[in-house]
Amino acid sequence: MSVIFASSGTPVLVDDGDWRAAFFYNWTESRHADGRAYFRSFIRGEGHVDLHRWLLKAKPGTVVDHVNGDTFDCRRKNLRVTVQRRNAQNSCMKKTNSVGLKGVQEKPSGRFSARIRDDNGARHYLGTFETSEEAHAAYTAAAHKYHGEFARV
């Protein structure tokens, strides 16, 4: 494992074999609308490219997912080419979630409900529960069932 530094001084993990090629370019930290940071450079003949996409030579129309959700970790074992819906399954809990558990919402009655989307985008209501922990357990089981290796709970 090696470290390169973005122009802002932010350290980014890369594999030892990628260090020399990546070190040659000036990577700038770019914040997306969701607040996550990605690292971008201008490469002659390719234009502006994101580091994680450049390392995997990702084709247009594909998405490169950070397995552990850490965009500062661009080691190949943490990157995988996928499609947007699978990438969304590996997303973090929304900042607007007031319960603090992914897939769980508090109802006005004080009880907790859980729901999830499957691979086809269909919503599945998982039930209403007395505790947030019970609702989260239902979400976790459904995430592993519907999302497999992309499940993030």
Protein backbone atom coordinates (compact mmCIF):
# COMPACT_ATOMS: atom_id res chain seq x y z
CA MET A 1 0.00 0.00 0.00
CA SER A 2 1.25 3.49 -0.89
CA VAL A 3 0.02 7.02 -0.35
CA ILE A 4 -0.25 9.86 -2.83
CA PHE A 5 -1.29 13.35 -1.82
CA ALA A 6 -3.94 15.44 -3.52
CA SER A 7 -3.05 19.06 -4.22
CA SER A 8 -4.94 19.94 -1.02
CA GLY A 9 -2.59 17.70 0.97
CA THR A 10 -5.21 15.00 1.48
CA PRO A 11 -3.66 11.51 1.58
CA VAL A 12 -5.12 8.90 -0.78
CA LEU A 13 -4.32 5.19 -0.58
CA VAL A 14 -3.25 3.39 -3.76
CA ASP A 15 -1.59 0.07 -4.47
CA ASP A 16 2.19 0.01 -4.66
CA GLY A 17 1.97 -0.89 -8.36
CA ASP A 18 -0.18 2.17 -9.11
CA TRP A 19 1.85 4.67 -7.11
CA ARG A 20 4.35 5.67 -9.81
CA ALA A 21 1.71 6.28 -12.51
CA ALA A 22 -0.65 8.13 -10.15
CA PHE A 23 2.11 10.22 -8.56
CA PHE A 24 2.94 11.72 -11.97
CA TYR A 25 -0.39 13.66 -12.08
CA ASN A 26 -1.77 16.53 -10.00
CA TRP A 27 -4.89 15.14 -8.28
CA THR A 28 -7.30 17.75 -6.97
CA GLU A 29 -9.97 17.05 -4.38
CA SER A 30 -13.42 17.45 -5.87
CA ARG A 31 -16.54 17.47 -3.69
CA HIS A 32 -19.72 16.05 -5.18
CA ALA A 33 -23.24 17.16 -4.26
CA ASP A 34 -23.45 14.40 -1.63
CA GLY A 35 -20.40 15.89 0.13
CA ARG A 36 -18.10 13.00 -0.72
CA ALA A 37 -14.61 13.77 -1.98
CA TYR A 38 -13.16 12.30 -5.15
CA PHE A 39 -9.81 12.94 -6.76
CA ARG A 40 -9.58 14.29 -10.29
CA SER A 41 -6.83 15.19 -12.71
CA PHE A 42 -6.48 16.31 -16.30
CA ILE A 43 -4.72 13.68 -18.38
CA ARG A 44 -3.70 14.52 -21.95
CA GLY A 45 -5.73 12.48 -24.40
CA GLU A 46 -8.27 11.48 -21.75
CA GLY A 47 -9.46 14.81 -20.34
CA HIS A 48 -10.57 15.14 -16.73
CA VAL A 49 -10.66 11.76 -14.98
CA ASP A 50 -11.43 10.56 -11.47
CA LEU A 51 -8.60 8.58 -9.88
CA HIS A 52 -10.71 5.55 -8.98
CA ARG A 53 -12.12 5.31 -12.55
CA TRP A 54 -8.69 5.89 -14.12
CA LEU A 55 -7.06 3.12 -12.09
CA LEU A 56 -9.60 0.55 -13.31
CA LYS A 57 -9.86 2.00 -16.83
CA ALA A 58 -13.63 2.10 -16.34
CA LYS A 59 -15.75 2.42 -19.48
CA PRO A 60 -18.33 5.22 -19.87
CA GLY A 61 -21.71 4.21 -18.44
CA THR A 62 -20.19 2.16 -15.65
CA VAL A 63 -19.73 3.13 -12.03
CA VAL A 64 -16.71 2.40 -9.87
CA ASP A 65 -17.81 1.56 -6.35
CA HIS A 66 -15.62 1.95 -3.26
CA VAL A 67 -16.36 -1.31 -1.42
CA ASN A 68 -15.76 0.12 2.07
CA GLY A 69 -17.32 3.49 1.22
CA ASP A 70 -14.04 5.35 1.78
CA THR A 71 -13.29 7.49 -1.29
CA PHE A 72 -9.78 8.14 0.08
CA ASP A 73 -9.02 4.41 -0.35
CA CYS A 74 -8.30 3.80 -4.04
CA ARG A 75 -6.58 0.45 -3.64
CA ARG A 76 -7.77 -2.03 -6.25
CA LYS A 77 -9.16 -4.43 -3.62
CA ASN A 78 -11.48 -1.60 -2.55
CA LEU A 79 -12.70 -0.78 -6.08
CA ARG A 80 -15.18 -2.64 -8.28
CA VAL A 81 -16.90 -1.79 -11.55
CA THR A 82 -20.67 -1.98 -11.30
CA VAL A 83 -23.88 -0.22 -12.33
CA GLN A 84 -25.56 2.67 -10.53
CA ARG A 85 -28.29 0.66 -8.81
CA ARG A 86 -25.71 -1.70 -7.24
CA ASN A 87 -23.59 1.28 -6.19
CA ALA A 88 -26.66 2.79 -4.50
CA GLN A 89 -27.15 -0.42 -2.51
CA ASN A 90 -23.68 0.13 -1.04
CA SER A 91 -24.48 3.70 -0.03
CA CYS A 92 -24.23 5.08 3.49
CA MET A 93 -27.20 5.97 5.63
CA LYS A 94 -28.83 9.25 4.58
CA LYS A 95 -27.95 12.28 6.69
CA THR A 96 -31.65 13.00 7.12
CA ASN A 97 -32.18 9.71 8.96
CA SER A 98 -33.22 10.72 12.48
CA VAL A 99 -33.14 7.17 13.90
CA GLY A 100 -29.49 6.51 13.16
CA LEU A 101 -30.07 3.10 11.58
CA LYS A 102 -30.16 2.54 7.81
CA GLY A 103 -33.53 1.46 6.45
CA VAL A 104 -35.41 2.40 9.65
CA GLN A 105 -37.96 5.20 10.12
CA GLU A 106 -39.74 6.26 13.27
CA LYS A 107 -43.51 6.45 12.95
CA PRO A 108 -45.64 9.09 14.71
CA SER A 109 -46.89 6.30 17.00
CA GLY A 110 -43.36 5.86 18.38
CA ARG A 111 -42.94 2.50 16.67
CA PHE A 112 -40.41 1.83 13.90
CA SER A 113 -40.84 0.66 10.33
CA ALA A 114 -38.32 -0.83 7.92
CA ARG A 115 -38.27 -0.90 4.14
CA ILE A 116 -35.84 -1.66 1.33
CA ARG A 117 -35.57 -1.62 -2.46
CA ASP A 118 -34.63 -4.77 -4.36
CA ASP A 119 -32.40 -5.08 -7.46
CA ASN A 120 -35.27 -4.05 -9.74
CA GLY A 121 -36.03 -0.92 -7.69
CA ALA A 122 -39.24 -2.32 -6.21
CA ARG A 123 -39.92 -1.22 -2.63
CA HIS A 124 -40.50 -3.82 0.05
CA TYR A 125 -42.19 -2.92 3.31
CA LEU A 126 -40.61 -5.10 6.00
CA GLY A 127 -43.01 -4.33 8.82
CA THR A 128 -43.56 -2.20 11.90
CA PHE A 129 -41.65 -3.00 15.08
CA GLU A 130 -41.64 -1.97 18.72
CA THR A 131 -37.93 -1.09 18.73
CA SER A 132 -35.53 0.43 16.24
CA GLU A 133 -33.20 -2.53 16.76
CA GLU A 134 -35.90 -5.00 15.64
CA ALA A 135 -36.60 -2.89 12.54
CA HIS A 136 -32.89 -2.69 11.76
CA ALA A 137 -32.52 -6.47 12.13
CA ALA A 138 -35.29 -6.90 9.54
CA TYR A 139 -33.55 -4.41 7.23
CA THR A 140 -30.18 -6.14 7.68
CA ALA A 141 -31.61 -9.54 6.76
CA ALA A 142 -33.37 -8.09 3.71
CA ALA A 143 -30.22 -6.20 2.63
CA HIS A 144 -28.22 -9.43 2.60
CA LYS A 145 -31.03 -11.18 0.72
CA TYR A 146 -31.57 -8.47 -1.93
CA HIS A 147 -28.17 -6.78 -2.17
CA GLY A 148 -25.72 -9.61 -1.48
CA GLU A 149 -22.11 -8.41 -1.55
CA PHE A 150 -23.31 -4.81 -2.01
CA ALA A 151 -25.28 -4.81 1.25
CA ARG A 152 -24.26 -2.00 3.58
CA VAL A 153 -25.97 -1.96 6.92
